[in-house]
C-alpha cells in the first residue's frame, strides 16, 4: 500500500465507509495518543459493541488483555515513527478447534505537510482455501502440534523436533509471523484453555492447572494474572 495522506483525520474518516463493503476484513484507526477514532462494524463487533461509535476514544487497554494491549501499543509506536507491519499472521481464538487466522497490516497516516497523524490497521480473515500463504505454511505444523500437546510437558526443543526445524529456525518463524516466541505462544494456548474451563466448569483451579500444562495452582495464577490482568478465582466470581 502507498502512503495514506489526508489533510485531517476527519477527511480520512469520511473515506473509510467503503471498508464496510469489504468481506472478512477488520479495520481500525487510532490517533497519536492511541485512542480509536475509527473502527468498522466487523472490528467493533469483535469486542461485543453494537455500534462503531462505541469504540471512539477507547484504547487497546480498554479492550484487550494487558499483554496484548502492550504489544499493540508497541506496534503503534513503531508505526507512528514511520514503520509498518506487513501481513503478520495472527490467530484469533487460540483455543478453538477450528482456528481463525488473520493477516494483519498496519500503516502510518500522513497529513499533507508530511506529518504522521494516525495509525491505520486492517486484519483480513484467511479462508481455508487461502492457507497456502507462506506465513500459514511455515507455522501450520508447529501450531497444530501445540494444539494437540499443550497439556503435556512441551518444550521448544520438542516442538522444533516435531516440526523438523532447528530451535533457532523455529524461533525466527514465530517472531517473524506472530511477533512472539514459541514459548509465549504455548503459554497463551494453555491460558485460553484454562480460561474456558474456569468459565464453563466447576473444576478446582489446581486441577485446571494440571489439565492445561501448568506446574501447579500458583504457576497458573501468576501467568493468568500477567496475561489477563486478574486472578483465576476472580474470573469465576
C-alpha atoms as a PDB file:
ATOM      1  CA  UNK A   1       0.000   0.000   0.000  1.00  0.00           C
ATOM      2  CA  UNK A   2       1.222   3.509  -0.831  1.00  0.00           C
ATOM      3  CA  UNK A   3       1.332   6.176   1.876  1.00  0.00           C
ATOM      4  CA  UNK A   4      -2.015   7.240   3.315  1.00  0.00           C
ATOM      5  CA  UNK A   5      -2.111  11.044   3.004  1.00  0.00           C
ATOM      6  CA  UNK A   6      -5.027  13.187   4.207  1.00  0.00           C
ATOM      7  CA  UNK A   7      -5.410  16.760   5.391  1.00  0.00           C
ATOM      8  CA  UNK A   8      -7.087  15.673   8.617  1.00  0.00           C
ATOM      9  CA  UNK A   9      -8.488  12.677  10.468  1.00  0.00           C
ATOM     10  CA  UNK A  10     -11.992  13.919   9.691  1.00  0.00           C
ATOM     11  CA  UNK A  11     -11.249  13.778   5.963  1.00  0.00           C
ATOM     12  CA  UNK A  12      -9.866  10.258   6.291  1.00  0.00           C
ATOM     13  CA  UNK A  13     -12.845   9.058   8.316  1.00  0.00           C
ATOM     14  CA  UNK A  14     -15.237  10.129   5.570  1.00  0.00           C
ATOM     15  CA  UNK A  15     -13.348   7.900   3.116  1.00  0.00           C
ATOM     16  CA  UNK A  16     -13.427   4.780   5.276  1.00  0.00           C
ATOM     17  CA  UNK A  17     -17.076   3.848   4.760  1.00  0.00           C
ATOM     18  CA  UNK A  18     -16.041   1.703   1.798  1.00  0.00           C
ATOM     19  CA  UNK A  19     -14.423  -0.718   4.251  1.00  0.00           C
ATOM     20  CA  UNK A  20     -17.879  -1.802   5.398  1.00  0.00           C
ATOM     21  CA  UNK A  21     -18.225  -3.409   1.967  1.00  0.00           C
ATOM     22  CA  UNK A  22     -15.028  -5.472   2.181  1.00  0.00           C
ATOM     23  CA  UNK A  23     -15.813  -9.010   3.419  1.00  0.00           C
ATOM     24  CA  UNK A  24     -13.878 -10.692   6.244  1.00  0.00           C
ATOM     25  CA  UNK A  25     -11.858  -7.544   6.966  1.00  0.00           C
ATOM     26  CA  UNK A  26     -11.479  -5.777  10.303  1.00  0.00           C
ATOM     27  CA  UNK A  27     -10.281  -2.166  10.036  1.00  0.00           C
ATOM     28  CA  UNK A  28      -9.428   0.493  12.617  1.00  0.00           C
ATOM     29  CA  UNK A  29      -7.590   3.771  13.097  1.00  0.00           C
ATOM     30  CA  UNK A  30      -6.008   5.332  16.182  1.00  0.00           C
ATOM     31  CA  UNK A  31      -4.741   8.841  16.787  1.00  0.00           C
ATOM     32  CA  UNK A  32      -1.250   9.604  18.073  1.00  0.00           C
ATOM     33  CA  UNK A  33      -2.472   9.142  21.665  1.00  0.00           C
ATOM     34  CA  UNK A  34      -3.517   5.557  20.898  1.00  0.00           C
ATOM     35  CA  UNK A  35      -7.245   6.354  21.027  1.00  0.00           C
ATOM     36  CA  UNK A  36      -9.544   4.741  18.486  1.00  0.00           C
ATOM     37  CA  UNK A  37     -11.040   7.251  16.081  1.00  0.00           C
ATOM     38  CA  UNK A  38     -12.496   4.672  13.692  1.00  0.00           C
ATOM     39  CA  UNK A  39     -13.449   1.007  13.568  1.00  0.00           C
ATOM     40  CA  UNK A  40     -15.595  -0.765  11.023  1.00  0.00           C
ATOM     41  CA  UNK A  41     -18.576  -2.863  12.068  1.00  0.00           C
ATOM     42  CA  UNK A  42     -16.709  -6.188  11.999  1.00  0.00           C
ATOM     43  CA  UNK A  43     -13.917  -4.821  14.182  1.00  0.00           C
ATOM     44  CA  UNK A  44     -16.218  -3.322  16.800  1.00  0.00           C
ATOM     45  CA  UNK A  45     -18.429  -6.427  16.867  1.00  0.00           C
ATOM     46  CA  UNK A  46     -15.329  -8.421  17.775  1.00  0.00           C
ATOM     47  CA  UNK A  47     -15.392  -6.584  21.110  1.00  0.00           C
ATOM     48  CA  UNK A  48     -19.120  -7.014  21.670  1.00  0.00           C
ATOM     49  CA  UNK A  49     -20.078  -3.498  20.596  1.00  0.00           C
ATOM     50  CA  UNK A  50     -23.312  -2.942  18.747  1.00  0.00           C
ATOM     51  CA  UNK A  51     -22.253   0.273  17.014  1.00  0.00           C
ATOM     52  CA  UNK A  52     -18.847   1.545  15.801  1.00  0.00           C
ATOM     53  CA  UNK A  53     -19.379   4.779  17.723  1.00  0.00           C
ATOM     54  CA  UNK A  54     -18.952   2.881  20.999  1.00  0.00           C
ATOM     55  CA  UNK A  55     -15.286   2.358  20.113  1.00  0.00           C
ATOM     56  CA  UNK A  56     -14.355   6.030  19.845  1.00  0.00           C
ATOM     57  CA  UNK A  57     -11.940   7.313  22.487  1.00  0.00           C
ATOM     58  CA  UNK A  58     -11.091   3.871  23.833  1.00  0.00           C
ATOM     59  CA  UNK A  59      -7.570   2.446  23.842  1.00  0.00           C
ATOM     60  CA  UNK A  60      -6.266  -1.094  23.468  1.00  0.00           C
ATOM     61  CA  UNK A  61      -6.052  -1.331  27.252  1.00  0.00           C
ATOM     62  CA  UNK A  62      -9.832  -0.877  27.405  1.00  0.00           C
ATOM     63  CA  UNK A  63     -10.392  -3.788  25.033  1.00  0.00           C
ATOM     64  CA  UNK A  64      -7.623  -6.370  25.244  1.00  0.00           C
ATOM     65  CA  UNK A  65      -5.727  -8.304  27.934  1.00  0.00           C
ATOM     66  CA  UNK A  66      -2.772  -6.255  29.263  1.00  0.00           C
ATOM     67  CA  UNK A  67      -0.042  -8.205  27.476  1.00  0.00           C
ATOM     68  CA  UNK A  68      -1.804  -7.977  24.111  1.00  0.00           C
ATOM     69  CA  UNK A  69      -2.607  -4.297  24.639  1.00  0.00           C
ATOM     70  CA  UNK A  70       1.063  -3.671  25.349  1.00  0.00           C
ATOM     71  CA  UNK A  71       2.065  -5.452  22.131  1.00  0.00           C
ATOM     72  CA  UNK A  72      -0.439  -3.410  20.113  1.00  0.00           C
ATOM     73  CA  UNK A  73       0.894  -0.225  21.730  1.00  0.00           C
ATOM     74  CA  UNK A  74       4.437  -1.167  20.762  1.00  0.00           C
ATOM     75  CA  UNK A  75       3.249  -1.736  17.184  1.00  0.00           C
ATOM     76  CA  UNK A  76       1.658   1.721  17.213  1.00  0.00           C
ATOM     77  CA  UNK A  77       4.869   3.268  18.450  1.00  0.00           C
ATOM     78  CA  UNK A  78       6.783   1.799  15.511  1.00  0.00           C
ATOM     79  CA  UNK A  79       4.092   2.784  13.018  1.00  0.00           C
ATOM     80  CA  UNK A  80       3.887   6.346  14.352  1.00  0.00           C
ATOM     81  CA  UNK A  81       7.656   6.541  13.875  1.00  0.00           C
ATOM     82  CA  UNK A  82       7.167   5.698  10.189  1.00  0.00           C
ATOM     83  CA  UNK A  83       7.357   1.904  10.270  1.00  0.00           C
ATOM     84  CA  UNK A  84       4.880  -0.660   9.011  1.00  0.00           C
ATOM     85  CA  UNK A  85       3.527  -4.091   9.847  1.00  0.00           C
ATOM     86  CA  UNK A  86       3.091  -6.158   6.695  1.00  0.00           C
ATOM     87  CA  UNK A  87       0.977  -9.328   6.600  1.00  0.00           C
ATOM     88  CA  UNK A  88       1.650 -10.535  10.134  1.00  0.00           C
ATOM     89  CA  UNK A  89      -0.070 -13.869  10.729  1.00  0.00           C
ATOM     90  CA  UNK A  90      -2.311 -13.807  13.811  1.00  0.00           C
ATOM     91  CA  UNK A  91      -4.717 -16.349  15.257  1.00  0.00           C
ATOM     92  CA  UNK A  92      -7.949 -15.281  16.935  1.00  0.00           C
ATOM     93  CA  UNK A  93      -9.498 -17.681  19.427  1.00  0.00           C
ATOM     94  CA  UNK A  94      -6.406 -19.802  20.015  1.00  0.00           C
ATOM     95  CA  UNK A  95      -8.269 -22.488  21.966  1.00  0.00           C
ATOM     96  CA  UNK A  96     -10.772 -23.187  19.211  1.00  0.00           C
ATOM     97  CA  UNK A  97     -10.755 -26.489  17.408  1.00  0.00           C
ATOM     98  CA  UNK A  98     -11.270 -24.596  14.153  1.00  0.00           C
ATOM     99  CA  UNK A  99      -8.525 -21.994  14.014  1.00  0.00           C
ATOM    100  CA  UNK A 100      -9.311 -18.495  12.807  1.00  0.00           C
ATOM    101  CA  UNK A 101      -6.347 -16.980  11.025  1.00  0.00           C
ATOM    102  CA  UNK A 102      -5.862 -13.348  10.089  1.00  0.00           C
ATOM    103  CA  UNK A 103      -3.233 -11.457   8.118  1.00  0.00           C
ATOM    104  CA  UNK A 104      -2.694  -8.081   9.789  1.00  0.00           C
ATOM    105  CA  UNK A 105      -1.060  -4.976   8.336  1.00  0.00           C
ATOM    106  CA  UNK A 106      -0.597  -1.510   9.860  1.00  0.00           C
ATOM    107  CA  UNK A 107       0.499   1.770   8.270  1.00  0.00           C
ATOM    108  CA  UNK A 108       1.144   5.376   9.313  1.00  0.00           C
ATOM    109  CA  UNK A 109      -1.299   8.062   8.162  1.00  0.00           C
ATOM    110  CA  UNK A 110       0.244  11.339   6.968  1.00  0.00           C
ATOM    111  CA  UNK A 111      -1.217  14.807   6.555  1.00  0.00           C
ATOM    112  CA  UNK A 112      -0.457  16.962   3.520  1.00  0.00           C
ATOM    113  CA  UNK A 113       2.536  18.501   5.318  1.00  0.00           C
ATOM    114  CA  UNK A 114       4.123  15.076   5.768  1.00  0.00           C
ATOM    115  CA  UNK A 115       3.447  14.711   9.495  1.00  0.00           C
ATOM    116  CA  UNK A 116       2.146  11.402  10.840  1.00  0.00           C
ATOM    117  CA  UNK A 117      -1.297  11.959  12.371  1.00  0.00           C
ATOM    118  CA  UNK A 118      -2.574   8.413  12.994  1.00  0.00           C
ATOM    119  CA  UNK A 119      -2.017   4.688  12.623  1.00  0.00           C
ATOM    120  CA  UNK A 120      -4.296   2.595  10.430  1.00  0.00           C
ATOM    121  CA  UNK A 121      -4.691  -1.187  10.541  1.00  0.00           C
ATOM    122  CA  UNK A 122      -6.504  -3.965   8.729  1.00  0.00           C
ATOM    123  CA  UNK A 123      -6.847  -7.667   9.567  1.00  0.00           C
ATOM    124  CA  UNK A 124      -8.143  -9.970   6.857  1.00  0.00           C
ATOM    125  CA  UNK A 125      -9.599 -13.363   7.710  1.00  0.00           C
ATOM    126  CA  UNK A 126      -7.840 -16.207   5.907  1.00  0.00           C
ATOM    127  CA  UNK A 127     -10.291 -18.692   4.443  1.00  0.00           C
ATOM    128  CA  UNK A 128      -9.168 -22.351   4.333  1.00  0.00           C
ATOM    129  CA  UNK A 129      -8.559 -22.050   0.583  1.00  0.00           C
ATOM    130  CA  UNK A 130      -6.090 -19.219   1.243  1.00  0.00           C
ATOM    131  CA  UNK A 131      -3.993 -21.089   3.775  1.00  0.00           C
ATOM    132  CA  UNK A 132      -1.251 -21.764   1.263  1.00  0.00           C
ATOM    133  CA  UNK A 133       0.147 -18.329   2.125  1.00  0.00           C
ATOM    134  CA  UNK A 134       3.790 -18.506   3.225  1.00  0.00           C
ATOM    135  CA  UNK A 135       3.169 -17.415   6.860  1.00  0.00           C
ATOM    136  CA  UNK A 136       0.489 -20.058   7.328  1.00  0.00           C
ATOM    137  CA  UNK A 137       2.548 -22.810   5.675  1.00  0.00           C
ATOM    138  CA  UNK A 138       5.564 -22.029   7.826  1.00  0.00           C
ATOM    139  CA  UNK A 139       3.611 -22.282  11.095  1.00  0.00           C
ATOM    140  CA  UNK A 140       0.905 -24.830  10.333  1.00  0.00           C
ATOM    141  CA  UNK A 141       2.793 -27.885  11.654  1.00  0.00           C
ATOM    142  CA  UNK A 142       4.144 -26.397  14.910  1.00  0.00           C
ATOM    143  CA  UNK A 143       0.856 -24.711  15.818  1.00  0.00           C
ATOM    144  CA  UNK A 144      -1.162 -27.856  15.216  1.00  0.00           C
ATOM    145  CA  UNK A 145       1.357 -29.754  17.330  1.00  0.00           C
ATOM    146  CA  UNK A 146       0.904 -27.229  20.143  1.00  0.00           C
ATOM    147  CA  UNK A 147      -2.877 -27.580  19.926  1.00  0.00           C
ATOM    148  CA  UNK A 148      -2.549 -31.345  20.293  1.00  0.00           C
ATOM    149  CA  UNK A 149       0.111 -31.405  23.047  1.00  0.00           C
ATOM    150  CA  UNK A 150      -0.207 -28.155  25.053  1.00  0.00           C
ATOM    151  CA  UNK A 151      -1.264 -30.031  28.216  1.00  0.00           C
ATOM    152  CA  UNK A 152       1.933 -32.077  28.202  1.00  0.00           C
ATOM    153  CA  UNK A 153       5.418 -31.065  29.326  1.00  0.00           C
ATOM    154  CA  UNK A 154       6.088 -29.456  25.965  1.00  0.00           C
ATOM    155  CA  UNK A 155       9.459 -27.807  25.384  1.00  0.00           C
ATOM    156  CA  UNK A 156      10.525 -25.638  22.460  1.00  0.00           C
ATOM    157  CA  UNK A 157      13.060 -28.343  21.581  1.00  0.00           C
ATOM    158  CA  UNK A 158      10.233 -30.915  21.385  1.00  0.00           C
ATOM    159  CA  UNK A 159       8.269 -28.572  19.150  1.00  0.00           C
ATOM    160  CA  UNK A 160      11.246 -27.925  16.879  1.00  0.00           C
ATOM    161  CA  UNK A 161      11.878 -31.650  16.536  1.00  0.00           C
ATOM    162  CA  UNK A 162       8.232 -32.340  15.666  1.00  0.00           C
ATOM    163  CA  UNK A 163       8.415 -29.571  13.056  1.00  0.00           C
ATOM    164  CA  UNK A 164      11.701 -30.814  11.540  1.00  0.00           C
ATOM    165  CA  UNK A 165      13.319 -27.477  12.330  1.00  0.00           C
ATOM    166  CA  UNK A 166      16.178 -26.284  14.470  1.00  0.00           C
ATOM    167  CA  UNK A 167      15.212 -24.356  17.585  1.00  0.00           C
ATOM    168  CA  UNK A 168      16.664 -21.161  16.103  1.00  0.00           C
ATOM    169  CA  UNK A 169      14.717 -21.580  12.830  1.00  0.00           C
ATOM    170  CA  UNK A 170      11.507 -22.204  14.760  1.00  0.00           C
ATOM    171  CA  UNK A 171      12.103 -19.122  16.915  1.00  0.00           C
ATOM    172  CA  UNK A 172      12.687 -16.991  13.812  1.00  0.00           C
ATOM    173  CA  UNK A 173       9.455 -18.153  12.178  1.00  0.00           C
ATOM    174  CA  UNK A 174       7.360 -17.399  15.248  1.00  0.00           C
ATOM    175  CA  UNK A 175       8.915 -13.972  15.707  1.00  0.00           C
ATOM    176  CA  UNK A 176       8.599 -13.108  12.027  1.00  0.00           C
ATOM    177  CA  UNK A 177       4.982 -14.184  11.584  1.00  0.00           C
ATOM    178  CA  UNK A 178       3.440 -13.949  15.075  1.00  0.00           C
ATOM    179  CA  UNK A 179       5.667 -11.405  16.809  1.00  0.00           C
ATOM    180  CA  UNK A 180       6.256 -13.760  19.754  1.00  0.00           C
ATOM    181  CA  UNK A 181       8.340 -16.765  20.751  1.00  0.00           C
ATOM    182  CA  UNK A 182       7.118 -20.382  20.587  1.00  0.00           C
ATOM    183  CA  UNK A 183       7.188 -20.498  24.402  1.00  0.00           C
ATOM    184  CA  UNK A 184       4.972 -17.408  24.642  1.00  0.00           C
ATOM    185  CA  UNK A 185       2.541 -18.959  22.192  1.00  0.00           C
ATOM    186  CA  UNK A 186       2.398 -22.240  24.136  1.00  0.00           C
ATOM    187  CA  UNK A 187       1.583 -20.304  27.324  1.00  0.00           C
ATOM    188  CA  UNK A 188      -1.166 -18.342  25.543  1.00  0.00           C
ATOM    189  CA  UNK A 189      -2.807 -21.534  24.287  1.00  0.00           C
ATOM    190  CA  UNK A 190      -2.659 -23.064  27.782  1.00  0.00           C
ATOM    191  CA  UNK A 191      -4.124 -19.927  29.320  1.00  0.00           C
ATOM    192  CA  UNK A 192      -7.003 -19.765  26.871  1.00  0.00           C
ATOM    193  CA  UNK A 193      -7.904 -23.386  27.576  1.00  0.00           C
ATOM    194  CA  UNK A 194      -7.684 -22.681  31.318  1.00  0.00           C
ATOM    195  CA  UNK A 195      -9.920 -19.625  30.914  1.00  0.00           C
ATOM    196  CA  UNK A 196     -12.567 -21.684  29.129  1.00  0.00           C
ATOM    197  CA  UNK A 197     -12.521 -24.315  31.883  1.00  0.00           C
ATOM    198  CA  UNK A 198     -12.814 -21.624  34.548  1.00  0.00           C
ATOM    199  CA  UNK A 199     -15.854 -20.133  32.841  1.00  0.00           C
ATOM    200  CA  UNK A 200     -17.590 -23.335  31.809  1.00  0.00           C
ATOM    201  CA  UNK A 201     -16.873 -25.840  34.610  1.00  0.00           C
ATOM    202  CA  UNK A 202     -16.563 -26.132  38.392  1.00  0.00           C
ATOM    203  CA  UNK A 203     -13.245 -27.979  38.202  1.00  0.00           C
ATOM    204  CA  UNK A 204     -10.889 -26.834  41.012  1.00  0.00           C
ATOM    205  CA  UNK A 205      -8.224 -24.387  39.882  1.00  0.00           C
ATOM    206  CA  UNK A 206      -5.421 -26.769  40.845  1.00  0.00           C
ATOM    207  CA  UNK A 207      -6.934 -29.474  38.647  1.00  0.00           C
ATOM    208  CA  UNK A 208      -7.326 -26.999  35.786  1.00  0.00           C
ATOM    209  CA  UNK A 209      -3.640 -26.128  36.137  1.00  0.00           C
ATOM    210  CA  UNK A 210      -2.686 -29.787  35.789  1.00  0.00           C
ATOM    211  CA  UNK A 211      -5.082 -30.293  32.881  1.00  0.00           C
ATOM    212  CA  UNK A 212      -3.706 -27.361  30.891  1.00  0.00           C
ATOM    213  CA  UNK A 213       0.030 -27.909  31.286  1.00  0.00           C
ATOM    214  CA  UNK A 214       0.871 -25.680  34.267  1.00  0.00           C
ATOM    215  CA  UNK A 215       3.085 -26.953  37.083  1.00  0.00           C
ATOM    216  CA  UNK A 216       0.600 -26.078  39.824  1.00  0.00           C
ATOM    217  CA  UNK A 217      -2.088 -23.660  41.017  1.00  0.00           C
ATOM    218  CA  UNK A 218       0.472 -20.897  41.688  1.00  0.00           C
ATOM    219  CA  UNK A 219       2.056 -21.187  38.245  1.00  0.00           C
ATOM    220  CA  UNK A 220      -1.343 -20.872  36.571  1.00  0.00           C
ATOM    221  CA  UNK A 221      -2.353 -17.947  38.793  1.00  0.00           C
ATOM    222  CA  UNK A 222       0.831 -15.969  38.084  1.00  0.00           C
ATOM    223  CA  UNK A 223       0.602 -16.498  34.341  1.00  0.00           C
ATOM    224  CA  UNK A 224      -3.138 -15.820  34.289  1.00  0.00           C
ATOM    225  CA  UNK A 225      -2.819 -12.536  36.155  1.00  0.00           C
ATOM    226  CA  UNK A 226       0.037 -11.394  33.907  1.00  0.00           C
ATOM    227  CA  UNK A 227      -1.915 -12.189  30.740  1.00  0.00           C
ATOM    228  CA  UNK A 228      -5.494 -11.257  31.683  1.00  0.00           C
ATOM    229  CA  UNK A 229      -4.937  -8.749  34.481  1.00  0.00           C
ATOM    230  CA  UNK A 230      -6.946 -10.743  37.041  1.00  0.00           C
ATOM    231  CA  UNK A 231      -6.644 -13.970  39.016  1.00  0.00           C
ATOM    232  CA  UNK A 232      -8.381 -17.230  38.016  1.00  0.00           C
ATOM    233  CA  UNK A 233     -10.564 -17.078  41.135  1.00  0.00           C
ATOM    234  CA  UNK A 234     -11.725 -13.523  40.378  1.00  0.00           C
ATOM    235  CA  UNK A 235     -12.802 -14.599  36.888  1.00  0.00           C
ATOM    236  CA  UNK A 236     -15.186 -17.105  38.452  1.00  0.00           C
ATOM    237  CA  UNK A 237     -16.861 -14.645  40.818  1.00  0.00           C
END
